[in-house]
Amino acid sequence: MKKIAIISLALLTISGCTIRVADLTVASTKNFDLNSGNLVKGQRVTGEDSYPVILFPTGIPNVKTAMDRAIESETCAVGLSDLVITQLNHSFIIGSIGMRVEGDLIIDKSRAGCENKGI
């Protein structure tokens, strides 16, 4: 009986919930001209903002921070296209909570040093 209780507690601890919050066509935390003819699609990237949970969360995850991390993974990127925003909740007493943003980079070829970037 004790083994079953320990195994059940372990499974409950490692289980979690991931919720798809939104699917967006274009999003950015940066200012850029959508009508510019210098925008191209880049590689698929992921950005996360997460915090540990020890009884209570140690912080509040933010979509903007997750999106900034994804966009700033490439110096020429100004936004994301075809993106998915996901809420992560993998905690029961201990664990982590967070937000994940995944999308294709929008590369601005008019920026200095970015003429040959993108697909």
Protein backbone atom coordinates (compact mmCIF):
# COMPACT_ATOMS: atom_id res chain seq x y z
CA MET A 1 0.00 0.00 0.00
CA LYS A 2 2.86 2.33 0.82
CA LYS A 3 4.44 1.71 -2.62
CA ILE A 4 1.18 2.58 -4.37
CA ALA A 5 0.90 5.82 -2.41
CA ILE A 6 4.50 6.78 -3.24
CA ILE A 7 4.07 5.93 -6.94
CA SER A 8 0.78 7.84 -7.09
CA LEU A 9 2.36 10.88 -5.46
CA ALA A 10 5.33 10.72 -7.85
CA LEU A 11 3.05 10.50 -10.90
CA LEU A 12 0.93 13.37 -9.63
CA THR A 13 4.05 15.47 -9.05
CA ILE A 14 5.48 14.98 -12.56
CA SER A 15 2.16 15.31 -14.34
CA GLY A 16 1.22 18.66 -15.75
CA CYS A 17 -1.03 20.57 -17.99
CA THR A 18 -0.15 22.42 -21.17
CA ILE A 19 -2.88 24.63 -22.60
CA ARG A 20 -2.87 26.14 -26.08
CA VAL A 21 -3.90 29.75 -25.45
CA ALA A 22 -3.82 31.33 -28.91
CA ASP A 23 -2.90 30.83 -32.57
CA LEU A 24 -1.93 34.10 -34.24
CA THR A 25 -0.97 35.00 -37.80
CA VAL A 26 1.42 37.86 -36.94
CA ALA A 27 2.56 39.30 -33.61
CA SER A 28 5.43 41.40 -32.35
CA THR A 29 6.58 43.38 -29.35
CA LYS A 30 8.71 45.58 -31.65
CA ASN A 31 7.69 48.47 -33.91
CA PHE A 32 8.12 47.78 -37.63
CA ASP A 33 6.51 48.64 -40.96
CA LEU A 34 4.32 45.77 -42.18
CA ASN A 35 4.12 47.36 -45.64
CA SER A 36 7.88 47.24 -46.08
CA GLY A 37 8.98 45.12 -49.02
CA ASN A 38 12.01 43.94 -47.04
CA LEU A 39 10.33 41.42 -44.73
CA VAL A 40 11.02 37.70 -45.19
CA LYS A 41 10.14 34.56 -43.27
CA GLY A 42 12.87 33.06 -41.08
CA GLN A 43 13.35 29.88 -39.09
CA ARG A 44 10.96 28.52 -36.44
CA VAL A 45 11.92 29.59 -32.91
CA THR A 46 10.64 29.18 -29.36
CA GLY A 47 10.75 31.54 -26.39
CA GLU A 48 9.75 30.75 -22.81
CA ASP A 49 9.17 32.61 -19.59
CA SER A 50 8.82 30.25 -16.63
CA TYR A 51 9.12 30.31 -12.86
CA PRO A 52 9.59 27.57 -10.27
CA VAL A 53 6.79 26.66 -7.89
CA ILE A 54 7.55 25.65 -4.31
CA LEU A 55 4.11 25.64 -2.69
CA PHE A 56 3.54 29.03 -4.36
CA PRO A 57 4.81 30.42 -7.68
CA THR A 58 7.97 32.52 -7.33
CA GLY A 59 6.88 34.80 -10.18
CA ILE A 60 4.24 35.49 -12.80
CA PRO A 61 5.00 34.30 -16.37
CA ASN A 62 4.60 36.94 -19.07
CA VAL A 63 3.76 36.45 -22.77
CA LYS A 64 5.72 39.59 -23.72
CA THR A 65 8.91 38.23 -22.14
CA ALA A 66 8.49 34.88 -23.90
CA MET A 67 7.86 36.64 -27.23
CA ASP A 68 10.86 38.96 -26.75
CA ARG A 69 13.11 35.95 -26.09
CA ALA A 70 11.91 34.27 -29.29
CA ILE A 71 12.30 37.40 -31.44
CA GLU A 72 15.67 38.37 -29.97
CA SER A 73 17.15 34.94 -30.79
CA GLU A 74 17.96 36.51 -34.21
CA THR A 75 19.37 40.04 -34.45
CA CYS A 76 17.52 40.84 -37.70
CA ALA A 77 14.09 39.64 -36.48
CA VAL A 78 11.28 42.10 -35.80
CA GLY A 79 8.32 39.77 -35.17
CA LEU A 80 6.80 36.31 -35.45
CA SER A 81 4.35 34.78 -37.90
CA ASP A 82 2.18 31.66 -37.58
CA LEU A 83 2.71 31.63 -33.83
CA VAL A 84 1.28 29.54 -31.04
CA ILE A 85 1.05 30.76 -27.44
CA THR A 86 0.98 28.00 -24.84
CA GLN A 87 0.48 28.12 -21.07
CA LEU A 88 2.58 25.63 -19.10
CA ASN A 89 1.48 24.36 -15.69
CA HIS A 90 3.64 21.53 -14.43
CA SER A 91 3.30 21.89 -10.69
CA PHE A 92 1.76 20.23 -7.70
CA ILE A 93 3.42 21.55 -4.54
CA ILE A 94 6.67 21.78 -6.54
CA GLY A 95 7.28 22.24 -10.26
CA SER A 96 7.08 25.15 -12.68
CA ILE A 97 4.63 27.42 -14.48
CA GLY A 98 5.24 29.41 -17.62
CA MET A 99 4.33 30.73 -21.05
CA ARG A 100 5.77 29.49 -24.35
CA VAL A 101 5.67 31.34 -27.67
CA GLU A 102 6.61 29.46 -30.84
CA GLY A 103 6.60 30.93 -34.33
CA ASP A 104 8.44 31.72 -37.56
CA LEU A 105 10.72 34.74 -37.41
CA ILE A 106 9.93 37.82 -39.51
CA ILE A 107 13.29 39.10 -40.75
CA ASP A 108 13.73 42.77 -41.74
CA LYS A 109 16.30 42.80 -44.55
CA SER A 110 16.52 46.61 -44.45
CA ARG A 111 18.47 46.49 -41.18
CA ALA A 112 22.24 46.84 -41.36
CA GLY A 113 23.94 43.47 -41.93
CA CYS A 114 20.67 41.65 -42.61
CA GLU A 115 20.59 41.73 -46.41
CA ASN A 116 21.24 37.96 -46.78
CA LYS A 117 19.09 36.67 -43.89
CA GLY A 118 15.87 34.67 -44.11
CA ILE A 119 14.63 31.93 -46.39
